[in-house]
Protein backbone atom coordinates (compact mmCIF):
# COMPACT_ATOMS: atom_id res chain seq x y z
CA MET A 1 73.62 183.04 112.74
CA ARG A 2 71.09 181.25 109.61
CA ASP A 3 73.25 182.94 106.82
CA PHE A 4 76.57 181.03 107.84
CA LYS A 5 74.43 177.60 108.59
CA ARG A 6 73.29 177.81 104.97
CA ARG A 7 77.05 178.76 103.73
CA LEU A 8 78.17 175.92 105.89
CA ILE A 9 76.24 173.00 105.15
CA PRO A 10 77.15 172.55 101.75
CA ALA A 11 80.75 172.86 103.14
CA LEU A 12 80.83 170.63 105.02
CA VAL A 13 79.09 168.22 101.87
CA LEU A 14 81.45 168.88 99.86
CA LEU A 15 84.76 167.96 102.79
CA LEU A 16 82.33 164.31 103.56
CA ALA A 17 82.81 163.81 99.34
CA LEU A 18 86.12 164.62 98.45
CA PRO A 19 87.77 160.25 99.27
CA ALA A 20 85.26 159.40 96.81
CA VAL A 21 86.62 161.60 93.52
CA LEU A 22 89.68 161.88 94.95
CA PRO A 23 91.86 159.16 91.86
CA ALA A 24 93.25 155.79 94.08
CA ALA A 25 96.59 156.58 95.51
CA LYS A 26 99.36 154.19 93.22
CA LYS A 27 100.40 150.57 95.39
CA ALA A 28 103.63 150.33 95.52
CA PRO A 29 104.50 146.62 94.11
CA SER A 30 105.06 144.15 97.67
CA PHE A 31 108.27 142.13 97.17
CA LYS A 32 108.49 138.91 99.66
CA TYR A 33 112.14 136.89 98.15
CA LEU A 34 113.87 139.58 96.07
CA THR A 35 115.85 141.91 98.34
CA ALA A 36 115.36 146.15 98.36
CA GLU A 37 118.92 146.37 96.87
CA GLN A 38 118.06 143.23 94.31
CA ARG A 39 114.49 146.29 93.17
CA ASN A 40 116.70 147.91 91.49
CA PHE A 41 116.83 146.33 88.30
CA ASP A 42 120.36 147.19 85.95
CA PHE A 43 117.08 147.21 83.00
CA PRO A 44 118.28 148.46 79.68
CA PRO A 45 115.10 150.79 78.16
CA PRO A 46 113.12 149.67 75.04
CA PRO A 47 114.14 150.41 71.56
CA ALA A 48 114.37 154.82 70.60
CA ALA A 49 111.69 155.84 68.61
CA GLY A 50 113.58 155.91 65.16
CA SER A 51 116.38 153.21 65.95
CA PRO A 52 116.52 150.12 63.53
CA GLU A 53 115.14 148.37 66.74
CA TYR A 54 112.23 149.91 67.09
CA LYS A 55 111.01 150.49 63.47
CA ALA A 56 111.55 146.55 64.08
CA ASP A 57 109.42 146.06 66.49
CA PHE A 58 106.47 147.97 64.56
CA ASP A 59 107.48 145.85 61.39
CA LEU A 60 106.65 142.94 63.20
CA LEU A 61 103.95 143.67 64.48
CA ARG A 62 102.23 144.55 60.61
CA GLU A 63 103.35 141.28 59.67
CA TRP A 64 101.42 139.52 62.35
CA GLU A 65 98.56 141.63 61.92
CA LYS A 66 98.37 140.16 58.15
CA LYS A 67 98.61 136.42 58.15
CA ARG A 68 96.87 135.80 62.66
CA THR A 69 94.45 133.67 62.11
CA PRO A 70 90.61 133.73 64.64
CA GLU A 71 92.19 131.19 66.48
CA GLN A 72 95.49 132.27 67.61
CA CYS A 73 93.09 135.49 68.75
CA ALA A 74 90.87 133.09 70.14
CA GLU A 75 93.63 131.04 72.02
CA ALA A 76 95.48 134.50 72.77
CA ASP A 77 92.47 135.79 74.91
CA ALA A 78 92.31 132.91 76.82
CA GLU A 79 95.60 134.18 78.94
CA ALA A 80 93.77 136.98 78.92
CA HIS A 81 94.41 136.83 83.13
CA ALA A 82 98.48 135.41 83.19
CA THR A 83 97.78 133.09 85.48
CA PHE A 84 99.71 129.64 85.86
CA ASP A 85 96.28 128.32 85.02
CA GLU A 86 95.68 129.50 82.12
CA PHE A 87 99.45 128.94 81.09
CA PHE A 88 100.58 125.51 82.32
CA GLY A 89 97.53 124.05 84.32
CA LYS A 90 97.03 121.85 81.64
CA MET A 91 100.40 120.36 81.67
CA SER A 92 101.53 121.06 84.90
CA PRO A 93 103.90 118.45 86.80
CA LEU A 94 102.07 119.53 90.05
CA PRO A 95 98.53 118.76 90.11
CA ASN A 96 95.47 120.44 88.60
CA PRO A 97 93.28 121.93 90.02
CA LEU A 98 96.81 123.08 92.98
CA PRO A 99 95.96 122.03 96.30
CA ARG A 100 95.63 125.32 98.51
CA ARG A 101 99.21 125.32 100.16
CA ALA A 102 100.81 125.19 96.49
CA ALA A 103 98.30 127.91 95.50
CA LYS A 104 99.62 129.98 97.10
CA ILE A 105 103.20 129.24 96.61
CA VAL A 106 102.74 130.00 93.14
CA LYS A 107 100.93 132.93 93.26
CA ARG A 108 103.00 134.25 95.49
CA MET A 109 105.75 133.40 92.84
CA GLY A 110 104.30 134.91 90.21
CA ARG A 111 103.47 138.29 92.43
CA GLU A 112 106.98 138.81 92.66
CA ALA A 113 107.37 138.11 89.01
CA SER A 114 104.15 141.16 88.50
CA ALA A 115 105.78 143.73 91.27
CA SER A 116 109.16 143.33 89.16
CA VAL A 117 107.16 144.84 85.72
CA TRP A 118 105.25 147.32 87.61
CA VAL A 119 108.80 148.19 88.18
CA LEU A 120 109.93 149.75 85.39
CA LYS A 121 106.64 149.33 83.67
CA ASP A 122 106.53 152.61 85.73
CA ARG A 123 110.04 153.31 85.24
CA PHE A 124 110.22 153.32 81.47
CA ASN A 125 106.95 154.18 80.58
CA ARG A 126 107.00 152.60 76.98
CA PRO A 127 103.12 153.05 75.69
CA ARG A 128 101.08 150.16 74.15
CA PRO A 129 101.25 150.23 70.66
CA PHE A 130 98.66 150.98 68.39
CA HIS A 131 98.55 154.15 71.22
CA THR A 132 102.27 155.10 68.25
CA ASP A 133 100.98 153.76 65.16
CA ALA A 134 96.89 154.24 64.81
CA GLU A 135 97.01 151.84 61.72
CA LEU A 136 97.69 148.47 64.14
CA HIS A 137 94.13 146.36 65.14
CA PRO A 138 94.73 145.25 68.19
CA CYS A 139 92.25 141.82 68.41
CA LEU A 140 93.23 141.88 72.21
CA GLY A 141 91.03 145.28 72.30
CA ARG A 142 92.65 148.37 72.93
CA ILE A 143 93.62 147.42 76.34
CA GLY A 144 94.85 149.68 78.63
CA GLY A 145 98.12 149.25 80.56
CA LEU A 146 102.15 149.58 79.78
CA ALA A 147 103.99 148.12 77.22
CA TYR A 148 107.82 148.17 79.30
CA PRO A 149 108.40 144.68 80.18
CA SER A 150 105.67 142.21 78.47
CA GLY A 151 103.70 141.67 81.83
CA HIS A 152 102.80 138.17 80.23
CA ALA A 153 106.18 137.77 78.58
CA THR A 154 107.70 138.06 82.79
CA LEU A 155 104.80 135.48 83.16
CA SER A 156 104.86 132.88 81.74
CA ARG A 157 108.11 132.62 81.13
CA MET A 158 109.02 132.81 85.44
CA TYR A 159 106.49 129.84 85.31
CA ALA A 160 108.29 127.78 82.60
CA LEU A 161 111.71 128.37 85.31
CA ILE A 162 110.13 127.47 88.81
CA LEU A 163 108.19 124.63 86.23
CA SER A 164 111.35 123.21 84.88
CA GLU A 165 113.47 123.35 88.17
CA LEU A 166 110.77 121.26 89.97
CA ALA A 167 111.43 118.69 87.19
CA PRO A 168 114.50 119.66 84.73
CA GLU A 169 114.41 116.84 81.88
CA ARG A 170 110.83 118.92 80.65
CA ARG A 171 112.28 122.23 80.33
CA ALA A 172 112.02 122.69 76.87
CA GLU A 173 108.52 121.62 77.14
CA PHE A 174 108.20 124.78 79.11
CA ILE A 175 109.93 127.40 77.69
CA ALA A 176 108.38 126.35 74.46
CA ARG A 177 105.37 126.98 76.31
CA ALA A 178 105.87 130.24 77.67
CA ASP A 179 107.74 131.35 74.31
CA GLU A 180 103.76 130.68 72.51
CA ALA A 181 101.64 132.23 75.06
CA ALA A 182 104.66 135.84 74.64
CA LEU A 183 104.18 135.68 71.95
CA PHE A 184 100.40 135.69 71.68
CA ARG A 185 100.71 139.64 72.84
CA ILE A 186 102.31 140.18 70.03
CA ILE A 187 99.62 138.07 67.36
CA GLY A 188 96.75 139.84 69.53
CA GLY A 189 98.36 143.24 68.81
CA VAL A 190 99.24 144.55 72.88
CA HIS A 191 102.83 144.36 72.85
CA HIS A 192 106.32 144.98 70.13
CA PRO A 193 108.49 142.35 70.64
CA SER A 194 111.20 144.04 72.41
CA ASP A 195 108.26 144.06 75.05
CA ILE A 196 108.01 140.58 74.47
CA GLU A 197 111.89 139.82 74.24
CA ALA A 198 112.40 141.93 77.66
CA GLY A 199 109.88 140.06 79.79
CA LYS A 200 111.89 136.99 79.83
CA ARG A 201 114.79 138.29 80.63
CA LEU A 202 113.45 139.76 83.14
CA ALA A 203 111.94 137.04 84.35
CA GLU A 204 115.75 134.62 84.21
CA SER A 205 117.05 137.36 86.25
CA VAL A 206 114.43 137.57 89.01
CA PHE A 207 114.19 133.37 88.99
CA ALA A 208 117.53 133.36 89.65
CA MET A 209 117.96 136.04 92.86
CA CYS A 210 115.13 134.88 94.10
CA MET A 211 117.01 131.44 93.51
CA LYS A 212 119.01 132.46 96.19
CA ASN A 213 116.85 133.20 98.52
CA PRO A 214 115.69 130.69 102.07
CA ALA A 215 112.08 131.48 101.63
CA PHE A 216 112.08 130.46 97.93
CA VAL A 217 114.18 128.01 97.95
CA LYS A 218 111.86 126.45 101.02
CA ASP A 219 108.89 127.12 98.86
CA MET A 220 110.12 125.42 95.80
CA GLU A 221 110.59 122.08 98.25
CA THR A 222 107.66 122.52 99.79
CA LEU A 223 105.78 122.11 95.95
CA ARG A 224 108.60 119.06 94.65
CA GLY A 225 106.71 117.62 97.66
CA TYR A 226 103.30 117.67 95.44
CA ILE A 227 105.01 116.85 91.62
CA LYS A 228 102.39 113.98 90.80
CA LYS A 229 103.81 110.50 91.11
CA PRO A 230 104.25 108.70 87.63
CA VAL A 231 101.06 105.42 87.01
CA ALA A 232 103.36 102.45 87.92
CA ALA A 233 102.95 100.16 84.73
CA ARG A 234 100.75 97.12 85.56
């Protein structure tokens, strides 16, 4: 009996420790506005290895690595978390800081874009460029995650489209800011140019589908009520 207990206790200790040592299960993306059918994205794959588009990706990355400035790398790093405030806080027609209700809506809309990116990154499993070409030196560091499509490009374009719907007269300004944020990911060496273009296309598609959803349209109308009114001239 004593020998049995001697064997049993270590086994129980190992069993109790298992949840701490097992890898965490991958959490499925959470959607609010897109239907299950819409989430089955018909989306082109990244350029095939050795194709002209594939070579062009790395040519442009090497070109930017030679000419980028420390200031550009610092600006890119300042947007590392891909938040609405990082991209548009200084130029948004919405109040800054966002009121709590508006902040929840914007975060929810951004999460829809992020979840869409997650689905496609998981599908295509494209490594970041510095894993393919060891001669590349990303100034944003050898960060984790996958490359295609770019989450930063998707999110910045999604936010730009939302703001363009709220203040259509400023659309060109918002899109230009999103394009700059997306380009920073190439300058920083963590995304192929084709990742960026894919992110922009994905955002356009997700936004168009969301605009057909009554809950999304209602949330847009709520945001519209927060638009800052211009100060009347005295």
